[in-house]
N, C-alpha and C. Protein backbone atom coordinates (compact mmCIF):
# COMPACT_ATOMS: atom_id res chain seq x y z
N UNK A 1 20.21 29.77 6.39
CA UNK A 1 19.16 29.83 5.31
C UNK A 1 17.48 29.40 6.11
N UNK A 2 17.07 29.72 4.92
CA UNK A 2 15.34 29.12 5.95
C UNK A 2 14.73 27.63 6.45
N UNK A 3 15.31 27.70 7.73
CA UNK A 3 14.18 25.90 8.98
C UNK A 3 13.76 26.23 7.74
N UNK A 4 12.99 25.78 6.87
CA UNK A 4 11.83 25.20 7.04
C UNK A 4 12.44 24.49 5.30
N UNK A 5 13.04 25.82 5.05
CA UNK A 5 14.13 24.74 3.26
C UNK A 5 14.52 23.50 4.53
N UNK A 6 16.25 24.29 5.09
CA UNK A 6 17.36 23.49 5.39
C UNK A 6 16.21 22.06 6.56
N UNK A 7 15.31 22.25 7.27
CA UNK A 7 14.15 21.47 7.36
C UNK A 7 13.28 20.05 5.82
N UNK A 8 13.26 20.18 5.49
CA UNK A 8 12.14 20.18 4.01
C UNK A 8 13.78 18.72 3.33
N UNK A 9 15.12 20.05 3.23
CA UNK A 9 16.51 18.68 2.29
C UNK A 9 16.50 17.80 3.39
N UNK A 10 15.89 18.19 4.90
CA UNK A 10 16.99 16.89 5.57
C UNK A 10 16.50 15.30 5.53
N UNK A 11 14.91 15.73 5.14
CA UNK A 11 13.37 14.94 5.08
C UNK A 11 13.52 14.10 3.30
N UNK A 12 14.95 15.06 3.03
CA UNK A 12 14.88 14.54 1.15
C UNK A 12 15.45 13.84 0.89
N UNK A 13 16.93 13.87 2.49
CA UNK A 13 17.99 13.81 2.01
C UNK A 13 17.65 12.43 2.96
N UNK A 14 16.59 11.88 4.06
CA UNK A 14 16.21 10.95 4.83
C UNK A 14 15.59 10.03 4.02
N UNK A 15 14.83 10.98 2.48
CA UNK A 15 14.37 9.93 1.53
C UNK A 15 14.62 9.06 0.43
N UNK A 16 15.72 9.81 0.36
CA UNK A 16 16.23 9.70 -0.38
C UNK A 16 17.05 8.00 -0.65
N UNK A 17 17.19 7.60 0.66
CA UNK A 17 18.64 6.85 1.30
C UNK A 17 17.39 5.12 1.54
N UNK A 18 16.14 6.16 2.08
CA UNK A 18 15.58 5.23 1.97
C UNK A 18 14.89 4.61 -0.10
N UNK A 19 15.17 5.30 -0.88
CA UNK A 19 14.73 5.28 -2.05
C UNK A 19 16.74 4.43 -2.78
N UNK A 20 17.61 4.67 -2.77
CA UNK A 20 18.94 4.69 -2.88
C UNK A 20 18.91 2.74 -2.68
N UNK A 21 18.06 2.29 -1.14
CA UNK A 21 17.41 0.61 -0.79
C UNK A 21 17.13 0.38 -1.14
N UNK A 22 15.68 0.37 -1.12
CA UNK A 22 14.71 0.03 -2.55
C UNK A 22 15.29 -0.24 -3.55
N UNK A 23 16.00 1.04 -3.93
CA UNK A 23 16.26 0.25 -6.02
C UNK A 23 17.70 -0.55 -5.67
N UNK A 24 18.22 -0.48 -4.42
CA UNK A 24 19.65 -1.86 -5.49
C UNK A 24 18.57 -2.65 -4.57
N UNK A 25 17.34 -2.55 -3.64
CA UNK A 25 16.83 -4.49 -3.06
C UNK A 25 16.05 -4.69 -4.64
N UNK A 26 16.19 -3.50 -5.54
CA UNK A 26 14.73 -3.86 -6.97
C UNK A 26 15.86 -4.47 -7.75
N UNK A 27 17.01 -3.80 -7.39
CA UNK A 27 18.93 -4.04 -8.67
C UNK A 27 18.84 -5.61 -8.49
N UNK A 28 18.62 -6.00 -7.31
CA UNK A 28 19.37 -7.62 -6.96
C UNK A 28 17.14 -8.71 -7.54
N UNK A 29 16.57 -7.95 -7.29
CA UNK A 29 15.81 -9.08 -7.90
C UNK A 29 15.77 -8.67 -9.47
N UNK A 30 16.96 -7.81 -9.68
CA UNK A 30 16.11 -8.01 -11.47
C UNK A 30 17.62 -8.96 -11.42
N UNK A 31 18.55 -8.19 -11.29
CA UNK A 31 20.26 -9.93 -11.55
C UNK A 31 19.15 -10.61 -12.10
N UNK A 32 18.06 -11.83 -10.76
CA UNK A 32 17.85 -13.20 -10.08
C UNK A 32 16.58 -12.94 -11.77
N UNK A 33 16.23 -12.74 -11.95
CA UNK A 33 15.40 -12.36 -13.47
C UNK A 33 16.27 -12.46 -14.36
N UNK A 34 17.28 -11.59 -14.01
CA UNK A 34 17.71 -11.94 -15.32
C UNK A 34 18.78 -13.23 -15.92
N UNK A 35 19.23 -14.30 -14.97
CA UNK A 35 19.27 -14.80 -14.97
C UNK A 35 18.66 -16.00 -14.99
N UNK A 36 17.30 -16.11 -14.47
CA UNK A 36 16.63 -16.74 -14.68
C UNK A 36 15.69 -17.16 -16.52
N UNK A 37 15.02 -16.16 -17.13
CA UNK A 37 15.68 -14.99 -18.00
C UNK A 37 16.25 -16.23 -18.95
N UNK A 38 17.51 -16.22 -18.74
CA UNK A 38 18.54 -16.20 -18.95
C UNK A 38 19.01 -18.01 -19.87
N UNK A 39 18.47 -18.85 -18.51
CA UNK A 39 18.78 -20.29 -18.83
C UNK A 39 17.84 -21.58 -18.80
N UNK A 40 16.79 -19.95 -18.54
CA UNK A 40 15.26 -20.69 -19.72
C UNK A 40 15.21 -19.94 -20.89
N UNK A 41 16.18 -19.17 -21.26
CA UNK A 41 15.93 -18.95 -22.52
C UNK A 41 14.48 -17.65 -22.99
N UNK A 42 14.48 -17.23 -21.96
CA UNK A 42 13.39 -16.51 -22.56
C UNK A 42 13.47 -14.95 -22.61
N UNK A 43 12.73 -14.18 -23.33
CA UNK A 43 13.90 -12.72 -23.53
C UNK A 43 13.61 -11.73 -22.40
N UNK A 44 13.79 -10.49 -22.61
CA UNK A 44 14.39 -9.90 -21.59
C UNK A 44 12.96 -8.43 -21.84
N UNK A 45 12.85 -8.17 -22.67
CA UNK A 45 11.69 -7.36 -22.63
C UNK A 45 10.21 -8.30 -22.32
N UNK A 46 9.69 -8.47 -21.70
CA UNK A 46 8.38 -8.05 -20.40
C UNK A 46 7.28 -7.22 -21.05
N UNK A 47 6.52 -7.00 -21.81
CA UNK A 47 5.63 -5.71 -22.09
C UNK A 47 4.50 -6.17 -21.35
N UNK A 48 3.45 -6.66 -21.16
CA UNK A 48 2.73 -7.06 -19.96
C UNK A 48 3.55 -7.00 -19.49
N UNK A 49 4.69 -7.04 -18.47
CA UNK A 49 4.77 -7.06 -16.67
C UNK A 49 4.75 -5.73 -17.22
N UNK A 50 5.85 -4.10 -18.21
CA UNK A 50 6.00 -3.31 -17.54
C UNK A 50 4.21 -2.37 -17.99
N UNK A 51 3.13 -2.47 -18.63
CA UNK A 51 2.52 -2.46 -19.22
C UNK A 51 1.29 -2.40 -17.09
N UNK A 52 1.19 -3.99 -17.14
CA UNK A 52 0.72 -4.23 -15.61
C UNK A 52 1.13 -2.42 -14.69
N UNK A 53 2.69 -2.72 -14.51
CA UNK A 53 3.44 -2.12 -13.37
C UNK A 53 2.35 -0.29 -14.50
N UNK A 54 2.22 0.04 -15.53
CA UNK A 54 2.18 1.85 -15.71
C UNK A 54 0.47 1.45 -15.39
N UNK A 55 0.61 0.76 -15.08
CA UNK A 55 -1.60 0.69 -14.75
C UNK A 55 -1.93 0.30 -13.19
N UNK A 56 -0.53 -0.19 -12.73
CA UNK A 56 -0.31 0.19 -11.27
C UNK A 56 -0.69 1.74 -10.72
N UNK A 57 0.26 2.39 -11.56
CA UNK A 57 0.86 3.93 -11.20
C UNK A 57 -0.74 4.88 -12.07
N UNK A 58 -0.85 4.38 -13.11
CA UNK A 58 -2.13 5.43 -13.54
C UNK A 58 -3.72 4.94 -12.54
N UNK A 59 -3.14 3.58 -11.96
CA UNK A 59 -4.67 3.29 -10.85
C UNK A 59 -4.66 4.00 -9.92
N UNK A 60 -3.33 4.15 -9.52
CA UNK A 60 -3.05 4.96 -7.85
C UNK A 60 -2.98 5.58 -7.79
N UNK A 61 -2.64 6.68 -8.85
CA UNK A 61 -2.25 7.97 -8.57
C UNK A 61 -2.85 9.22 -8.49
N UNK A 62 -2.81 9.87 -8.70
CA UNK A 62 -3.36 11.37 -9.38
C UNK A 62 -2.51 11.32 -11.08
N UNK A 63 -3.19 12.28 -12.54
CA UNK A 63 -2.04 13.05 -13.43
C UNK A 63 -0.57 13.39 -13.21
N UNK A 64 -1.23 14.25 -12.28
CA UNK A 64 0.56 14.85 -12.26
C UNK A 64 1.13 13.76 -11.76
N UNK A 65 1.18 13.64 -10.28
CA UNK A 65 1.63 11.71 -9.58
C UNK A 65 2.12 10.83 -9.89
N UNK A 66 1.01 10.28 -11.26
CA UNK A 66 1.65 9.82 -11.60
C UNK A 66 2.05 9.76 -13.12
N UNK A 67 2.26 10.94 -13.98
CA UNK A 67 3.65 11.32 -14.94
C UNK A 67 4.96 11.59 -14.32
N UNK A 68 5.04 11.84 -13.40
CA UNK A 68 6.52 11.90 -12.42
C UNK A 68 5.82 10.19 -12.31
N UNK A 69 6.05 9.85 -11.20
CA UNK A 69 5.72 8.17 -11.24
C UNK A 69 6.46 7.58 -12.40
N UNK A 70 5.85 7.47 -13.29
CA UNK A 70 5.89 6.96 -15.66
C UNK A 70 7.49 7.25 -16.17
N UNK A 71 7.26 8.78 -15.78
CA UNK A 71 8.92 9.18 -16.66
C UNK A 71 10.21 8.43 -16.34
N UNK A 72 10.03 8.91 -14.07
CA UNK A 72 11.16 7.58 -13.43
C UNK A 72 11.08 6.37 -13.54
N UNK A 73 9.79 5.88 -13.78
CA UNK A 73 10.21 4.07 -14.43
C UNK A 73 10.40 3.57 -15.22
N UNK A 74 10.56 4.69 -16.13
CA UNK A 74 11.15 4.57 -17.99
C UNK A 74 11.93 4.53 -17.62
N UNK A 75 12.71 5.40 -17.71
CA UNK A 75 14.20 5.13 -16.84
C UNK A 75 13.96 3.52 -15.86
N UNK A 76 13.85 3.89 -15.48
CA UNK A 76 14.61 2.07 -14.10
C UNK A 76 14.14 1.09 -14.74
N UNK A 77 13.18 0.86 -15.47
CA UNK A 77 12.73 0.06 -16.04
C UNK A 77 13.74 -0.30 -17.37
N UNK A 78 13.83 0.41 -17.93
CA UNK A 78 15.34 0.85 -19.39
C UNK A 78 16.50 -0.15 -18.15
N UNK A 79 17.03 0.89 -17.05
CA UNK A 79 18.25 0.26 -17.40
C UNK A 79 18.61 -0.97 -16.30
N UNK A 80 16.48 -1.83 -15.66
CA UNK A 80 15.74 -2.86 -15.33
C UNK A 80 16.77 -3.81 -16.85
N UNK A 81 16.65 -3.43 -17.30
CA UNK A 81 16.53 -4.34 -19.01
C UNK A 81 17.96 -4.48 -19.58
N UNK A 82 19.02 -3.34 -18.46
CA UNK A 82 19.86 -3.73 -20.02
C UNK A 82 20.39 -4.33 -18.88
N UNK A 83 20.98 -4.45 -17.04
CA UNK A 83 20.63 -5.22 -16.48
C UNK A 83 20.17 -7.02 -16.75
N UNK A 84 19.29 -7.09 -17.44
CA UNK A 84 18.69 -8.51 -17.34
C UNK A 84 19.89 -9.25 -18.45
N UNK A 85 20.08 -7.88 -19.46
CA UNK A 85 20.55 -8.39 -21.18
C UNK A 85 21.92 -8.99 -20.14
N UNK A 86 22.54 -8.31 -19.01
CA UNK A 86 24.11 -9.26 -19.56
C UNK A 86 24.12 -10.99 -18.99
């Protein structure tokens, strides 16, 4: 196999492991927020918070990068709301 491909796949594997760890940390925070919202009778949906996340992405990244990240974050936020509802 091409050494450049192999090198970059190794790099992706390392990055993926970091992303996995960060997403699990995020899941822990989401779970805690879900418990607090339930205790306080707050709704799961916080549209303002979602808008802030997307605005940060738009402000920090190019259009191509922002589109990529927003597509991923739509899934992350959707799954996070499911966890908060439990």
